[in-house]
């Protein structure tokens, strides 16, 4: 059973990453922290094969996605799952998977929050 986090616009999200995700509230300008859900984070199996003599260049063979719940609805509303870009790209037909977009950065370049999520 998913435990969605409700955003100010009513959208419901479940954070399936390994860390909290911050999204900026468009009205207040404050960051909303979406905690990591109690469900295990969504993962994708991978094998990394290094080219002989090259320790910084690798070929990655992507496998199956694991720990991803089936599409869900709460009170008739779709629940969106926040996942990594790699997981999202592995299953492009899942329109309930979202990744952070319109990132807000500190002067150092570090990501502070996102302005939205994209499917």
C-alpha atoms as a PDB file:
ATOM      1  CA  UNK A   1       0.000   0.000   0.000  1.00  0.00           C
ATOM      2  CA  UNK A   2       1.382   3.386  -0.969  1.00  0.00           C
ATOM      3  CA  UNK A   3       1.351   6.386   1.347  1.00  0.00           C
ATOM      4  CA  UNK A   4       1.258   9.403  -0.996  1.00  0.00           C
ATOM      5  CA  UNK A   5       2.451  12.914  -0.148  1.00  0.00           C
ATOM      6  CA  UNK A   6      -0.023  15.592  -1.254  1.00  0.00           C
ATOM      7  CA  UNK A   7       1.427  18.631  -3.040  1.00  0.00           C
ATOM      8  CA  UNK A   8      -0.246  22.080  -2.811  1.00  0.00           C
ATOM      9  CA  UNK A   9      -1.985  21.594  -6.190  1.00  0.00           C
ATOM     10  CA  UNK A  10      -3.515  18.320  -4.999  1.00  0.00           C
ATOM     11  CA  UNK A  11      -1.147  16.049  -6.915  1.00  0.00           C
ATOM     12  CA  UNK A  12      -0.143  12.962  -4.965  1.00  0.00           C
ATOM     13  CA  UNK A  13       3.424  11.673  -5.138  1.00  0.00           C
ATOM     14  CA  UNK A  14       5.392   8.833  -3.582  1.00  0.00           C
ATOM     15  CA  UNK A  15       9.158   9.285  -3.358  1.00  0.00           C
ATOM     16  CA  UNK A  16      10.831   6.040  -4.458  1.00  0.00           C
ATOM     17  CA  UNK A  17      14.362   7.476  -4.514  1.00  0.00           C
ATOM     18  CA  UNK A  18      17.040   6.911  -1.880  1.00  0.00           C
ATOM     19  CA  UNK A  19      16.814  10.472  -0.519  1.00  0.00           C
ATOM     20  CA  UNK A  20      14.319  13.232   0.295  1.00  0.00           C
ATOM     21  CA  UNK A  21      13.275  15.365  -2.681  1.00  0.00           C
ATOM     22  CA  UNK A  22      12.619  19.100  -2.371  1.00  0.00           C
ATOM     23  CA  UNK A  23      10.125  20.921  -4.583  1.00  0.00           C
ATOM     24  CA  UNK A  24       9.555  24.672  -4.437  1.00  0.00           C
ATOM     25  CA  UNK A  25       6.080  25.808  -3.401  1.00  0.00           C
ATOM     26  CA  UNK A  26       5.031  28.215  -6.181  1.00  0.00           C
ATOM     27  CA  UNK A  27       2.991  30.393  -3.805  1.00  0.00           C
ATOM     28  CA  UNK A  28       5.326  30.771  -0.830  1.00  0.00           C
ATOM     29  CA  UNK A  29       8.698  30.180  -2.489  1.00  0.00           C
ATOM     30  CA  UNK A  30       9.534  27.773   0.334  1.00  0.00           C
ATOM     31  CA  UNK A  31      10.894  24.292  -0.310  1.00  0.00           C
ATOM     32  CA  UNK A  32       8.597  21.369   0.451  1.00  0.00           C
ATOM     33  CA  UNK A  33      10.487  18.257   1.524  1.00  0.00           C
ATOM     34  CA  UNK A  34       9.056  15.003   0.196  1.00  0.00           C
ATOM     35  CA  UNK A  35      10.517  12.255   2.370  1.00  0.00           C
ATOM     36  CA  UNK A  36      11.639   8.922   1.035  1.00  0.00           C
ATOM     37  CA  UNK A  37       8.694   6.548   1.233  1.00  0.00           C
ATOM     38  CA  UNK A  38       8.709   3.479   3.460  1.00  0.00           C
ATOM     39  CA  UNK A  39       8.635   1.309   0.324  1.00  0.00           C
ATOM     40  CA  UNK A  40      12.030   0.159  -0.910  1.00  0.00           C
ATOM     41  CA  UNK A  41      13.486   2.507  -3.528  1.00  0.00           C
ATOM     42  CA  UNK A  42      12.917   1.625  -7.183  1.00  0.00           C
ATOM     43  CA  UNK A  43      16.060   0.106  -8.652  1.00  0.00           C
ATOM     44  CA  UNK A  44      17.334  -1.139 -11.972  1.00  0.00           C
ATOM     45  CA  UNK A  45      19.713  -4.055 -12.266  1.00  0.00           C
ATOM     46  CA  UNK A  46      22.916  -3.302 -14.109  1.00  0.00           C
ATOM     47  CA  UNK A  47      26.203  -4.858 -15.092  1.00  0.00           C
ATOM     48  CA  UNK A  48      29.142  -2.537 -15.627  1.00  0.00           C
ATOM     49  CA  UNK A  49      31.831  -3.852 -17.959  1.00  0.00           C
ATOM     50  CA  UNK A  50      35.057  -1.862 -18.128  1.00  0.00           C
ATOM     51  CA  UNK A  51      37.067  -1.714 -21.306  1.00  0.00           C
ATOM     52  CA  UNK A  52      40.449  -3.305 -20.889  1.00  0.00           C
ATOM     53  CA  UNK A  53      42.966  -0.726 -19.727  1.00  0.00           C
ATOM     54  CA  UNK A  54      40.301   1.936 -19.119  1.00  0.00           C
ATOM     55  CA  UNK A  55      39.022   2.460 -15.616  1.00  0.00           C
ATOM     56  CA  UNK A  56      36.858   5.506 -16.361  1.00  0.00           C
ATOM     57  CA  UNK A  57      35.045   4.272 -19.479  1.00  0.00           C
ATOM     58  CA  UNK A  58      32.471   1.537 -19.062  1.00  0.00           C
ATOM     59  CA  UNK A  59      29.596  -0.110 -20.864  1.00  0.00           C
ATOM     60  CA  UNK A  60      26.476  -0.600 -18.794  1.00  0.00           C
ATOM     61  CA  UNK A  61      24.009  -3.386 -19.499  1.00  0.00           C
ATOM     62  CA  UNK A  62      20.643  -2.433 -17.998  1.00  0.00           C
ATOM     63  CA  UNK A  63      18.374  -5.110 -16.600  1.00  0.00           C
ATOM     64  CA  UNK A  64      15.000  -5.303 -14.915  1.00  0.00           C
ATOM     65  CA  UNK A  65      13.451  -2.637 -12.684  1.00  0.00           C
ATOM     66  CA  UNK A  66      12.657  -3.826  -9.161  1.00  0.00           C
ATOM     67  CA  UNK A  67      10.734  -2.464  -6.168  1.00  0.00           C
ATOM     68  CA  UNK A  68       8.310  -0.535  -8.385  1.00  0.00           C
ATOM     69  CA  UNK A  69       4.658  -0.677  -7.297  1.00  0.00           C
ATOM     70  CA  UNK A  70       1.856  -1.125  -9.801  1.00  0.00           C
ATOM     71  CA  UNK A  71       0.110   2.083 -10.916  1.00  0.00           C
ATOM     72  CA  UNK A  72      -2.058   3.359  -8.067  1.00  0.00           C
ATOM     73  CA  UNK A  73      -5.035   5.611  -7.395  1.00  0.00           C
ATOM     74  CA  UNK A  74      -6.227   7.120  -4.131  1.00  0.00           C
ATOM     75  CA  UNK A  75      -9.826   8.390  -4.089  1.00  0.00           C
ATOM     76  CA  UNK A  76      -9.834   8.100  -7.885  1.00  0.00           C
ATOM     77  CA  UNK A  77      -6.746  10.306  -8.314  1.00  0.00           C
ATOM     78  CA  UNK A  78      -3.550   9.024  -9.914  1.00  0.00           C
ATOM     79  CA  UNK A  79      -0.533   8.638  -7.666  1.00  0.00           C
ATOM     80  CA  UNK A  80       2.778   9.631  -9.236  1.00  0.00           C
ATOM     81  CA  UNK A  81       6.002   7.863  -8.264  1.00  0.00           C
ATOM     82  CA  UNK A  82       9.216   9.920  -8.064  1.00  0.00           C
ATOM     83  CA  UNK A  83      12.041   7.763  -9.430  1.00  0.00           C
ATOM     84  CA  UNK A  84      15.519   8.214 -10.872  1.00  0.00           C
ATOM     85  CA  UNK A  85      15.901   9.153 -14.541  1.00  0.00           C
ATOM     86  CA  UNK A  86      17.428   5.744 -15.223  1.00  0.00           C
ATOM     87  CA  UNK A  87      14.352   3.948 -13.874  1.00  0.00           C
ATOM     88  CA  UNK A  88      12.005   6.312 -15.750  1.00  0.00           C
ATOM     89  CA  UNK A  89      13.869   5.823 -19.032  1.00  0.00           C
ATOM     90  CA  UNK A  90      13.734   2.032 -18.640  1.00  0.00           C
ATOM     91  CA  UNK A  91       9.911   2.083 -18.611  1.00  0.00           C
ATOM     92  CA  UNK A  92       8.806   5.039 -20.783  1.00  0.00           C
ATOM     93  CA  UNK A  93       5.256   3.691 -21.093  1.00  0.00           C
ATOM     94  CA  UNK A  94       4.637   4.221 -17.353  1.00  0.00           C
ATOM     95  CA  UNK A  95       3.104   7.709 -17.270  1.00  0.00           C
ATOM     96  CA  UNK A  96       2.855   7.571 -13.473  1.00  0.00           C
ATOM     97  CA  UNK A  97       6.653   7.747 -13.103  1.00  0.00           C
ATOM     98  CA  UNK A  98       8.075  11.243 -12.700  1.00  0.00           C
ATOM     99  CA  UNK A  99      11.499  12.800 -12.267  1.00  0.00           C
ATOM    100  CA  UNK A 100      12.450  16.244 -10.939  1.00  0.00           C
ATOM    101  CA  UNK A 101      12.618  19.039 -13.523  1.00  0.00           C
ATOM    102  CA  UNK A 102      13.288  22.796 -13.575  1.00  0.00           C
ATOM    103  CA  UNK A 103      15.960  22.450 -10.904  1.00  0.00           C
ATOM    104  CA  UNK A 104      16.889  25.372  -8.657  1.00  0.00           C
ATOM    105  CA  UNK A 105      20.601  25.702  -7.944  1.00  0.00           C
ATOM    106  CA  UNK A 106      22.710  27.400  -5.299  1.00  0.00           C
ATOM    107  CA  UNK A 107      25.437  29.816  -6.493  1.00  0.00           C
ATOM    108  CA  UNK A 108      27.863  26.879  -6.136  1.00  0.00           C
ATOM    109  CA  UNK A 109      25.824  24.914  -8.672  1.00  0.00           C
ATOM    110  CA  UNK A 110      24.475  22.395  -6.156  1.00  0.00           C
ATOM    111  CA  UNK A 111      20.818  21.458  -6.652  1.00  0.00           C
ATOM    112  CA  UNK A 112      18.597  22.949  -3.937  1.00  0.00           C
ATOM    113  CA  UNK A 113      15.170  21.845  -5.171  1.00  0.00           C
ATOM    114  CA  UNK A 114      13.079  21.339  -8.265  1.00  0.00           C
ATOM    115  CA  UNK A 115      10.271  23.489  -9.599  1.00  0.00           C
ATOM    116  CA  UNK A 116       8.194  20.609 -10.919  1.00  0.00           C
ATOM    117  CA  UNK A 117       8.185  16.965 -11.920  1.00  0.00           C
ATOM    118  CA  UNK A 118       8.004  15.603 -15.457  1.00  0.00           C
ATOM    119  CA  UNK A 119       6.709  12.336 -16.880  1.00  0.00           C
END
